[in-house]
């Protein structure tokens, strides 16, 4: 499938991946927008911003990636951005792993 269809699948709540990605088990999902209360913030900068905003702030929706770091450990990348290859290649598929 192409990139546009992959985005549509994300909007339907599905996970997507590319056959061309090197890492096994890598996939994307769409994290929806949510209200973030100060009580759950572990990041001191975020907590300060939330408190300055009255104790709660809107976190906009974002595309996240399940991936691996340079040592092979499992990792989450929040705010994934597509490369030109990601946009132009048509090797996208729904991830069922």
PDB file of N, CA and C in Angstrom:
ATOM      1  N   UNK A   1       0.850  -1.176   0.000  1.00  0.00           N
ATOM      2  CA  UNK A   1       0.000   0.000   0.000  1.00  0.00           C
ATOM      3  C   UNK A   1       0.893   1.235   0.000  1.00  0.00           C
ATOM      4  N   UNK A   2       0.350   2.356  -0.442  1.00  0.00           N
ATOM      5  CA  UNK A   2       1.121   3.593  -0.460  1.00  0.00           C
ATOM      6  C   UNK A   2       0.990   4.330   0.878  1.00  0.00           C
ATOM      7  N   UNK A   3       1.736   5.437   0.995  1.00  0.00           N
ATOM      8  CA  UNK A   3       1.787   6.190   2.242  1.00  0.00           C
ATOM      9  C   UNK A   3       0.421   6.744   2.647  1.00  0.00           C
ATOM     10  N   UNK A   4      -0.342   7.228   1.670  1.00  0.00           N
ATOM     11  CA  UNK A   4      -1.674   7.756   1.961  1.00  0.00           C
ATOM     12  C   UNK A   4      -2.580   6.702   2.586  1.00  0.00           C
ATOM     13  N   UNK A   5      -2.517   5.493   2.068  1.00  0.00           N
ATOM     14  CA  UNK A   5      -3.327   4.401   2.625  1.00  0.00           C
ATOM     15  C   UNK A   5      -2.821   4.010   4.009  1.00  0.00           C
ATOM     16  N   UNK A   6      -1.515   4.108   4.218  1.00  0.00           N
ATOM     17  CA  UNK A   6      -0.956   3.820   5.545  1.00  0.00           C
ATOM     18  C   UNK A   6      -1.472   4.838   6.568  1.00  0.00           C
ATOM     19  N   UNK A   7      -1.536   6.105   6.180  1.00  0.00           N
ATOM     20  CA  UNK A   7      -2.066   7.140   7.077  1.00  0.00           C
ATOM     21  C   UNK A   7      -3.534   6.866   7.383  1.00  0.00           C
ATOM     22  N   UNK A   8      -4.294   6.485   6.364  1.00  0.00           N
ATOM     23  CA  UNK A   8      -5.712   6.158   6.584  1.00  0.00           C
ATOM     24  C   UNK A   8      -5.847   4.989   7.563  1.00  0.00           C
ATOM     25  N   UNK A   9      -4.987   3.975   7.430  1.00  0.00           N
ATOM     26  CA  UNK A   9      -5.018   2.830   8.345  1.00  0.00           C
ATOM     27  C   UNK A   9      -4.717   3.285   9.780  1.00  0.00           C
ATOM     28  N   UNK A  10      -3.744   4.203   9.942  1.00  0.00           N
ATOM     29  CA  UNK A  10      -3.446   4.737  11.275  1.00  0.00           C
ATOM     30  C   UNK A  10      -4.678   5.419  11.860  1.00  0.00           C
ATOM     31  N   UNK A  11      -5.366   6.200  11.044  1.00  0.00           N
ATOM     32  CA  UNK A  11      -6.558   6.912  11.512  1.00  0.00           C
ATOM     33  C   UNK A  11      -7.673   5.954  11.908  1.00  0.00           C
ATOM     34  N   UNK A  12      -7.658   4.740  11.366  1.00  0.00           N
ATOM     35  CA  UNK A  12      -8.651   3.718  11.713  1.00  0.00           C
ATOM     36  C   UNK A  12      -8.225   2.913  12.943  1.00  0.00           C
ATOM     37  N   UNK A  13      -7.097   3.291  13.554  1.00  0.00           N
ATOM     38  CA  UNK A  13      -6.636   2.604  14.760  1.00  0.00           C
ATOM     39  C   UNK A  13      -5.729   1.416  14.501  1.00  0.00           C
ATOM     40  N   UNK A  14      -5.283   1.240  13.265  1.00  0.00           N
ATOM     41  CA  UNK A  14      -4.403   0.119  12.938  1.00  0.00           C
ATOM     42  C   UNK A  14      -2.948   0.520  13.099  1.00  0.00           C
ATOM     43  N   UNK A  15      -2.088  -0.477  13.262  1.00  0.00           N
ATOM     44  CA  UNK A  15      -0.642  -0.275  13.256  1.00  0.00           C
ATOM     45  C   UNK A  15      -0.166  -0.521  11.830  1.00  0.00           C
ATOM     46  N   UNK A  16       0.866   0.198  11.401  1.00  0.00           N
ATOM     47  CA  UNK A  16       1.414  -0.007  10.064  1.00  0.00           C
ATOM     48  C   UNK A  16       2.925  -0.142  10.124  1.00  0.00           C
ATOM     49  N   UNK A  17       3.486  -0.771   9.099  1.00  0.00           N
ATOM     50  CA  UNK A  17       4.923  -0.979   8.990  1.00  0.00           C
ATOM     51  C   UNK A  17       5.320  -0.937   7.530  1.00  0.00           C
ATOM     52  N   UNK A  18       6.626  -0.886   7.278  1.00  0.00           N
ATOM     53  CA  UNK A  18       7.144  -0.956   5.915  1.00  0.00           C
ATOM     54  C   UNK A  18       7.986  -2.203   5.766  1.00  0.00           C
ATOM     55  N   UNK A  19       7.830  -2.898   4.645  1.00  0.00           N
ATOM     56  CA  UNK A  19       8.666  -4.072   4.362  1.00  0.00           C
ATOM     57  C   UNK A  19      10.136  -3.677   4.266  1.00  0.00           C
ATOM     58  N   UNK A  20      10.414  -2.434   3.829  1.00  0.00           N
ATOM     59  CA  UNK A  20      11.780  -1.979   3.625  1.00  0.00           C
ATOM     60  C   UNK A  20      12.532  -1.565   4.879  1.00  0.00           C
ATOM     61  N   UNK A  21      11.881  -1.529   6.035  1.00  0.00           N
ATOM     62  CA  UNK A  21      12.578  -1.150   7.258  1.00  0.00           C
ATOM     63  C   UNK A  21      13.504  -2.265   7.712  1.00  0.00           C
ATOM     64  N   UNK A  22      14.676  -1.893   8.220  1.00  0.00           N
ATOM     65  CA  UNK A  22      15.686  -2.873   8.633  1.00  0.00           C
ATOM     66  C   UNK A  22      15.299  -3.639   9.886  1.00  0.00           C
ATOM     67  N   UNK A  23      14.765  -2.949  10.867  1.00  0.00           N
ATOM     68  CA  UNK A  23      14.480  -3.576  12.154  1.00  0.00           C
ATOM     69  C   UNK A  23      13.245  -4.465  12.120  1.00  0.00           C
ATOM     70  N   UNK A  24      13.365  -5.629  12.736  1.00  0.00           N
ATOM     71  CA  UNK A  24      12.212  -6.524  12.836  1.00  0.00           C
ATOM     72  C   UNK A  24      11.251  -6.019  13.887  1.00  0.00           C
ATOM     73  N   UNK A  25       9.966  -6.090  13.595  1.00  0.00           N
ATOM     74  CA  UNK A  25       8.956  -5.731  14.574  1.00  0.00           C
ATOM     75  C   UNK A  25       8.706  -4.244  14.716  1.00  0.00           C
ATOM     76  N   UNK A  26       9.296  -3.422  13.851  1.00  0.00           N
ATOM     77  CA  UNK A  26       9.062  -1.977  13.919  1.00  0.00           C
ATOM     78  C   UNK A  26       7.687  -1.656  13.347  1.00  0.00           C
ATOM     79  N   UNK A  27       6.967  -0.744  14.009  1.00  0.00           N
ATOM     80  CA  UNK A  27       5.661  -0.334  13.494  1.00  0.00           C
ATOM     81  C   UNK A  27       5.308   1.044  14.012  1.00  0.00           C
ATOM     82  N   UNK A  28       4.301   1.638  13.385  1.00  0.00           N
ATOM     83  CA  UNK A  28       3.775   2.940  13.787  1.00  0.00           C
ATOM     84  C   UNK A  28       2.368   2.780  14.317  1.00  0.00           C
ATOM     85  N   UNK A  29       1.969   3.704  15.191  1.00  0.00           N
ATOM     86  CA  UNK A  29       0.571   3.817  15.593  1.00  0.00           C
ATOM     87  C   UNK A  29       0.275   5.280  15.852  1.00  0.00           C
ATOM     88  N   UNK A  30      -0.988   5.628  15.832  1.00  0.00           N
ATOM     89  CA  UNK A  30      -1.413   6.998  16.065  1.00  0.00           C
ATOM     90  C   UNK A  30      -1.862   7.141  17.511  1.00  0.00           C
ATOM     91  N   UNK A  31      -1.128   7.957  18.259  1.00  0.00           N
ATOM     92  CA  UNK A  31      -1.508   8.231  19.649  1.00  0.00           C
ATOM     93  C   UNK A  31      -2.472   9.412  19.613  1.00  0.00           C
ATOM     94  N   UNK A  32      -3.691   9.243  20.084  1.00  0.00           N
ATOM     95  CA  UNK A  32      -4.676  10.329  20.003  1.00  0.00           C
ATOM     96  C   UNK A  32      -4.368  11.468  20.973  1.00  0.00           C
ATOM     97  N   UNK A  33      -4.976  12.603  20.713  1.00  0.00           N
ATOM     98  CA  UNK A  33      -4.856  13.752  21.613  1.00  0.00           C
ATOM     99  C   UNK A  33      -5.427  13.374  22.981  1.00  0.00           C
ATOM    100  N   UNK A  34      -4.876  13.992  24.040  1.00  0.00           N
ATOM    101  CA  UNK A  34      -5.333  13.690  25.400  1.00  0.00           C
ATOM    102  C   UNK A  34      -5.023  14.868  26.312  1.00  0.00           C
ATOM    103  N   UNK A  35      -5.816  15.014  27.342  1.00  0.00           N
ATOM    104  CA  UNK A  35      -5.550  16.003  28.384  1.00  0.00           C
ATOM    105  C   UNK A  35      -4.550  15.398  29.361  1.00  0.00           C
ATOM    106  N   UNK A  36      -3.486  16.125  29.654  1.00  0.00           N
ATOM    107  CA  UNK A  36      -2.432  15.637  30.540  1.00  0.00           C
ATOM    108  C   UNK A  36      -2.489  16.413  31.863  1.00  0.00           C
ATOM    109  N   UNK A  37      -2.770  15.718  32.980  1.00  0.00           N
ATOM    110  CA  UNK A  37      -2.753  16.387  34.288  1.00  0.00           C
ATOM    111  C   UNK A  37      -1.328  16.415  34.850  1.00  0.00           C
ATOM    112  N   UNK A  38      -1.027  17.410  35.644  1.00  0.00           N
ATOM    113  CA  UNK A  38       0.312  17.575  36.227  1.00  0.00           C
ATOM    114  C   UNK A  38       0.736  16.361  37.047  1.00  0.00           C
ATOM    115  N   UNK A  39      -0.218  15.702  37.709  1.00  0.00           N
ATOM    116  CA  UNK A  39       0.114  14.577  38.603  1.00  0.00           C
ATOM    117  C   UNK A  39       0.840  13.439  37.903  1.00  0.00           C
ATOM    118  N   UNK A  40       0.633  13.256  36.610  1.00  0.00           N
ATOM    119  CA  UNK A  40       1.259  12.113  35.936  1.00  0.00           C
ATOM    120  C   UNK A  40       2.559  12.480  35.225  1.00  0.00           C
ATOM    121  N   UNK A  41       2.978  13.731  35.305  1.00  0.00           N
ATOM    122  CA  UNK A  41       4.163  14.196  34.582  1.00  0.00           C
ATOM    123  C   UNK A  41       5.444  13.831  35.324  1.00  0.00           C
ATOM    124  N   UNK A  42       6.315  13.100  34.676  1.00  0.00           N
ATOM    125  CA  UNK A  42       7.624  12.759  35.240  1.00  0.00           C
ATOM    126  C   UNK A  42       8.713  13.683  34.695  1.00  0.00           C
ATOM    127  N   UNK A  43       8.455  14.300  33.564  1.00  0.00           N
ATOM    128  CA  UNK A  43       9.387  15.238  32.949  1.00  0.00           C
ATOM    129  C   UNK A  43       9.226  16.590  33.643  1.00  0.00           C
ATOM    130  N   UNK A  44      10.272  17.114  34.271  1.00  0.00           N
ATOM    131  CA  UNK A  44      10.132  18.363  35.026  1.00  0.00           C
ATOM    132  C   UNK A  44       9.732  19.558  34.166  1.00  0.00           C
ATOM    133  N   UNK A  45      10.187  19.619  32.937  1.00  0.00           N
ATOM    134  CA  UNK A  45       9.803  20.738  32.059  1.00  0.00           C
ATOM    135  C   UNK A  45       8.324  20.638  31.723  1.00  0.00           C
ATOM    136  N   UNK A  46       7.880  19.456  31.358  1.00  0.00           N
ATOM    137  CA  UNK A  46       6.465  19.259  31.042  1.00  0.00           C
ATOM    138  C   UNK A  46       5.602  19.569  32.271  1.00  0.00           C
ATOM    139  N   UNK A  47       6.018  19.070  33.424  1.00  0.00           N
ATOM    140  CA  UNK A  47       5.244  19.307  34.647  1.00  0.00           C
ATOM    141  C   UNK A  47       5.101  20.811  34.914  1.00  0.00           C
ATOM    142  N   UNK A  48       6.182  21.560  34.751  1.00  0.00           N
ATOM    143  CA  UNK A  48       6.126  23.006  34.958  1.00  0.00           C
ATOM    144  C   UNK A  48       5.164  23.661  33.973  1.00  0.00           C
ATOM    145  N   UNK A  49       5.230  23.267  32.711  1.00  0.00           N
ATOM    146  CA  UNK A  49       4.324  23.830  31.708  1.00  0.00           C
ATOM    147  C   UNK A  49       2.869  23.526  32.033  1.00  0.00           C
ATOM    148  N   UNK A  50       2.624  22.293  32.470  1.00  0.00           N
ATOM    149  CA  UNK A  50       1.258  21.901  32.821  1.00  0.00           C
ATOM    150  C   UNK A  50       0.764  22.703  34.018  1.00  0.00           C
ATOM    151  N   UNK A  51       1.606  22.830  35.030  1.00  0.00           N
ATOM    152  CA  UNK A  51       1.221  23.600  36.223  1.00  0.00           C
ATOM    153  C   UNK A  51       0.966  25.067  35.878  1.00  0.00           C
ATOM    154  N   UNK A  52       1.795  25.637  35.007  1.00  0.00           N
ATOM    155  CA  UNK A  52       1.606  27.029  34.571  1.00  0.00           C
ATOM    156  C   UNK A  52       0.330  27.202  33.750  1.00  0.00           C
ATOM    157  N   UNK A  53      -0.178  26.097  33.227  1.00  0.00           N
ATOM    158  CA  UNK A  53      -1.403  26.125  32.425  1.00  0.00           C
ATOM    159  C   UNK A  53      -2.634  25.771  33.268  1.00  0.00           C
ATOM    160  N   UNK A  54      -2.507  25.802  34.568  1.00  0.00           N
ATOM    161  CA  UNK A  54      -3.656  25.524  35.425  1.00  0.00           C
ATOM    162  C   UNK A  54      -3.778  24.083  35.862  1.00  0.00           C
ATOM    163  N   UNK A  55      -2.747  23.265  35.663  1.00  0.00           N
ATOM    164  CA  UNK A  55      -2.761  21.888  36.140  1.00  0.00           C
ATOM    165  C   UNK A  55      -3.121  20.852  35.098  1.00  0.00           C
ATOM    166  N   UNK A  56      -3.401  21.277  33.879  1.00  0.00           N
ATOM    167  CA  UNK A  56      -3.743  20.341  32.815  1.00  0.00           C
ATOM    168  C   UNK A  56      -3.406  20.996  31.476  1.00  0.00           C
ATOM    169  N   UNK A  57      -2.980  20.183  30.507  1.00  0.00           N
ATOM    170  CA  UNK A  57      -2.659  20.722  29.184  1.00  0.00           C
ATOM    171  C   UNK A  57      -3.017  19.692  28.121  1.00  0.00           C
ATOM    172  N   UNK A  58      -3.338  20.167  26.947  1.00  0.00           N
ATOM    173  CA  UNK A  58      -3.684  19.284  25.833  1.00  0.00           C
ATOM    174  C   UNK A  58      -2.413  18.780  25.162  1.00  0.00           C
ATOM    175  N   UNK A  59      -2.292  17.480  25.047  1.00  0.00           N
ATOM    176  CA  UNK A  59      -1.228  16.856  24.248  1.00  0.00           C
ATOM    177  C   UNK A  59      -1.862  16.505  22.904  1.00  0.00           C
ATOM    178  N   UNK A  60      -1.348  17.080  21.841  1.00  0.00           N
ATOM    179  CA  UNK A  60      -1.897  16.822  20.513  1.00  0.00           C
ATOM    180  C   UNK A  60      -1.580  15.396  20.073  1.00  0.00           C
ATOM    181  N   UNK A  61      -2.393  14.869  19.187  1.00  0.00           N
ATOM    182  CA  UNK A  61      -2.151  13.539  18.654  1.00  0.00           C
ATOM    183  C   UNK A  61      -0.831  13.496  17.895  1.00  0.00           C
ATOM    184  N   UNK A  62      -0.217  12.330  17.853  1.00  0.00           N
ATOM    185  CA  UNK A  62       1.074  12.181  17.180  1.00  0.00           C
ATOM    186  C   UNK A  62       1.252  10.754  16.684  1.00  0.00           C
ATOM    187  N   UNK A  63       2.103  10.603  15.697  1.00  0.00           N
ATOM    188  CA  UNK A  63       2.461   9.267  15.226  1.00  0.00           C
ATOM    189  C   UNK A  63       3.661   8.803  16.043  1.00  0.00           C
ATOM    190  N   UNK A  64       3.555   7.607  16.614  1.00  0.00           N
ATOM    191  CA  UNK A  64       4.630   7.013  17.404  1.00  0.00           C
ATOM    192  C   UNK A  64       5.176   5.785  16.691  1.00  0.00           C
ATOM    193  N   UNK A  65       6.441   5.474  16.967  1.00  0.00           N
ATOM    194  CA  UNK A  65       7.086   4.295  16.375  1.00  0.00           C
ATOM    195  C   UNK A  65       7.600   3.377  17.477  1.00  0.00           C
ATOM    196  N   UNK A  66       7.313   2.087  17.323  1.00  0.00           N
ATOM    197  CA  UNK A  66       7.952   1.065  18.150  1.00  0.00           C
ATOM    198  C   UNK A  66       9.197   0.653  17.387  1.00  0.00           C
ATOM    199  N   UNK A  67      10.358   0.816  18.003  1.00  0.00           N
ATOM    200  CA  UNK A  67      11.621   0.601  17.306  1.00  0.00           C
ATOM    201  C   UNK A  67      12.653   0.029  18.267  1.00  0.00           C
ATOM    202  N   UNK A  68      13.911   0.190  17.948  1.00  0.00           N
ATOM    203  CA  UNK A  68      15.021  -0.263  18.790  1.00  0.00           C
ATOM    204  C   UNK A  68      16.090   0.815  18.805  1.00  0.00           C
ATOM    205  N   UNK A  69      16.823   0.923  19.919  1.00  0.00           N
ATOM    206  CA  UNK A  69      17.912   1.892  19.959  1.00  0.00           C
ATOM    207  C   UNK A  69      19.172   1.277  19.350  1.00  0.00           C
ATOM    208  N   UNK A  70      20.283   1.992  19.410  1.00  0.00           N
ATOM    209  CA  UNK A  70      21.521   1.539  18.767  1.00  0.00           C
ATOM    210  C   UNK A  70      22.102   0.273  19.391  1.00  0.00           C
ATOM    211  N   UNK A  71      21.664  -0.074  20.601  1.00  0.00           N
ATOM    212  CA  UNK A  71      22.151  -1.300  21.243  1.00  0.00           C
ATOM    213  C   UNK A  71      21.192  -2.467  21.054  1.00  0.00           C
ATOM    214  N   UNK A  72      20.059  -2.207  20.392  1.00  0.00           N
ATOM    215  CA  UNK A  72      19.087  -3.265  20.152  1.00  0.00           C
ATOM    216  C   UNK A  72      17.960  -3.321  21.164  1.00  0.00           C
ATOM    217  N   UNK A  73      17.997  -2.424  22.160  1.00  0.00           N
ATOM    218  CA  UNK A  73      16.915  -2.413  23.153  1.00  0.00           C
ATOM    219  C   UNK A  73      15.636  -1.879  22.527  1.00  0.00           C
ATOM    220  N   UNK A  74      14.496  -2.410  22.937  1.00  0.00           N
ATOM    221  CA  UNK A  74      13.198  -1.923  22.463  1.00  0.00           C
ATOM    222  C   UNK A  74      13.013  -0.485  22.916  1.00  0.00           C
ATOM    223  N   UNK A  75      12.397   0.329  22.043  1.00  0.00           N
ATOM    224  CA  UNK A  75      12.246   1.749  22.347  1.00  0.00           C
ATOM    225  C   UNK A  75      11.012   2.312  21.649  1.00  0.00           C
ATOM    226  N   UNK A  76      10.507   3.419  22.178  1.00  0.00           N
ATOM    227  CA  UNK A  76       9.389   4.152  21.591  1.00  0.00           C
ATOM    228  C   UNK A  76       9.904   5.495  21.111  1.00  0.00           C
ATOM    229  N   UNK A  77       9.583   5.855  19.886  1.00  0.00           N
ATOM    230  CA  UNK A  77       9.905   7.168  19.348  1.00  0.00           C
ATOM    231  C   UNK A  77       8.591   7.922  19.187  1.00  0.00           C
ATOM    232  N   UNK A  78       8.428   8.996  19.955  1.00  0.00           N
ATOM    233  CA  UNK A  78       7.227   9.821  19.876  1.00  0.00           C
ATOM    234  C   UNK A  78       7.479  10.942  18.890  1.00  0.00           C
ATOM    235  N   UNK A  79       6.524  11.194  18.014  1.00  0.00           N
ATOM    236  CA  UNK A  79       6.690  12.256  17.031  1.00  0.00           C
ATOM    237  C   UNK A  79       7.487  11.794  15.826  1.00  0.00           C
ATOM    238  N   UNK A  80       7.261  10.564  15.368  1.00  0.00           N
ATOM    239  CA  UNK A  80       7.954  10.026  14.192  1.00  0.00           C
ATOM    240  C   UNK A  80       7.682  10.901  12.977  1.00  0.00           C
ATOM    241  N   UNK A  81       8.707  11.112  12.161  1.00  0.00           N
ATOM    242  CA  UNK A  81       8.580  11.857  10.913  1.00  0.00           C
ATOM    243  C   UNK A  81       8.964  10.970   9.741  1.00  0.00           C
ATOM    244  N   UNK A  82       8.193  11.036   8.682  1.00  0.00           N
ATOM    245  CA  UNK A  82       8.442  10.228   7.491  1.00  0.00           C
ATOM    246  C   UNK A  82       9.619  10.771   6.691  1.00  0.00           C
ATOM    247  N   UNK A  83      10.436   9.856   6.177  1.00  0.00           N
ATOM    248  CA  UNK A  83      11.498  10.235   5.243  1.00  0.00           C
ATOM    249  C   UNK A  83      10.895  10.313   3.833  1.00  0.00           C
ATOM    250  N   UNK A  84      11.674  10.786   2.889  1.00  0.00           N
ATOM    251  CA  UNK A  84      11.205  10.814   1.502  1.00  0.00           C
ATOM    252  C   UNK A  84      10.897   9.399   1.026  1.00  0.00           C
ATOM    253  N   UNK A  85      11.741   8.430   1.398  1.00  0.00           N
ATOM    254  CA  UNK A  85      11.479   7.034   1.025  1.00  0.00           C
ATOM    255  C   UNK A  85      10.168   6.542   1.620  1.00  0.00           C
ATOM    256  N   UNK A  86       9.946   6.871   2.897  1.00  0.00           N
ATOM    257  CA  UNK A  86       8.701   6.458   3.546  1.00  0.00           C
ATOM    258  C   UNK A  86       7.497   6.995   2.786  1.00  0.00           C
ATOM    259  N   UNK A  87       7.583   8.225   2.332  1.00  0.00           N
ATOM    260  CA  UNK A  87       6.465   8.861   1.636  1.00  0.00           C
ATOM    261  C   UNK A  87       6.258   8.278   0.235  1.00  0.00           C
ATOM    262  N   UNK A  88       7.338   7.980  -0.469  1.00  0.00           N
ATOM    263  CA  UNK A  88       7.234   7.590  -1.877  1.00  0.00           C
ATOM    264  C   UNK A  88       7.128   6.089  -2.121  1.00  0.00           C
ATOM    265  N   UNK A  89       7.660   5.266  -1.230  1.00  0.00           N
ATOM    266  CA  UNK A  89       7.619   3.822  -1.454  1.00  0.00           C
ATOM    267  C   UNK A  89       6.218   3.273  -1.197  1.00  0.00           C
ATOM    268  N   UNK A  90       5.921   2.167  -1.828  1.00  0.00           N
ATOM    269  CA  UNK A  90       4.591   1.552  -1.714  1.00  0.00           C
ATOM    270  C   UNK A  90       4.663   0.170  -1.095  1.00  0.00           C
ATOM    271  N   UNK A  91       5.546   0.042  -0.090  1.00  0.00           N
ATOM    272  CA  UNK A  91       5.700  -1.242   0.600  1.00  0.00           C
ATOM    273  C   UNK A  91       5.108  -1.222   2.004  1.00  0.00           C
ATOM    274  N   UNK A  92       4.155  -0.316   2.227  1.00  0.00           N
ATOM    275  CA  UNK A  92       3.470  -0.223   3.512  1.00  0.00           C
ATOM    276  C   UNK A  92       2.492  -1.376   3.667  1.00  0.00           C
ATOM    277  N   UNK A  93       2.299  -1.818   4.896  1.00  0.00           N
ATOM    278  CA  UNK A  93       1.306  -2.855   5.189  1.00  0.00           C
ATOM    279  C   UNK A  93       0.803  -2.699   6.610  1.00  0.00           C
ATOM    280  N   UNK A  94      -0.367  -3.237   6.867  1.00  0.00           N
ATOM    281  CA  UNK A  94      -0.908  -3.253   8.230  1.00  0.00           C
ATOM    282  C   UNK A  94      -0.063  -4.240   9.026  1.00  0.00           C
ATOM    283  N   UNK A  95       0.330  -3.830  10.219  1.00  0.00           N
ATOM    284  CA  UNK A  95       1.155  -4.662  11.101  1.00  0.00           C
ATOM    285  C   UNK A  95       0.246  -5.500  11.989  1.00  0.00           C
ATOM    286  N   UNK A  96       0.456  -6.800  11.973  1.00  0.00           N
ATOM    287  CA  UNK A  96      -0.366  -7.711  12.768  1.00  0.00           C
ATOM    288  C   UNK A  96       0.471  -8.487  13.774  1.00  0.00           C
ATOM    289  N   UNK A  97       1.638  -7.979  14.120  1.00  0.00           N
ATOM    290  CA  UNK A  97       2.567  -8.703  14.991  1.00  0.00           C
ATOM    291  C   UNK A  97       2.271  -8.675  16.398  1.00  0.00           C
TER     292      UNK A  97
END
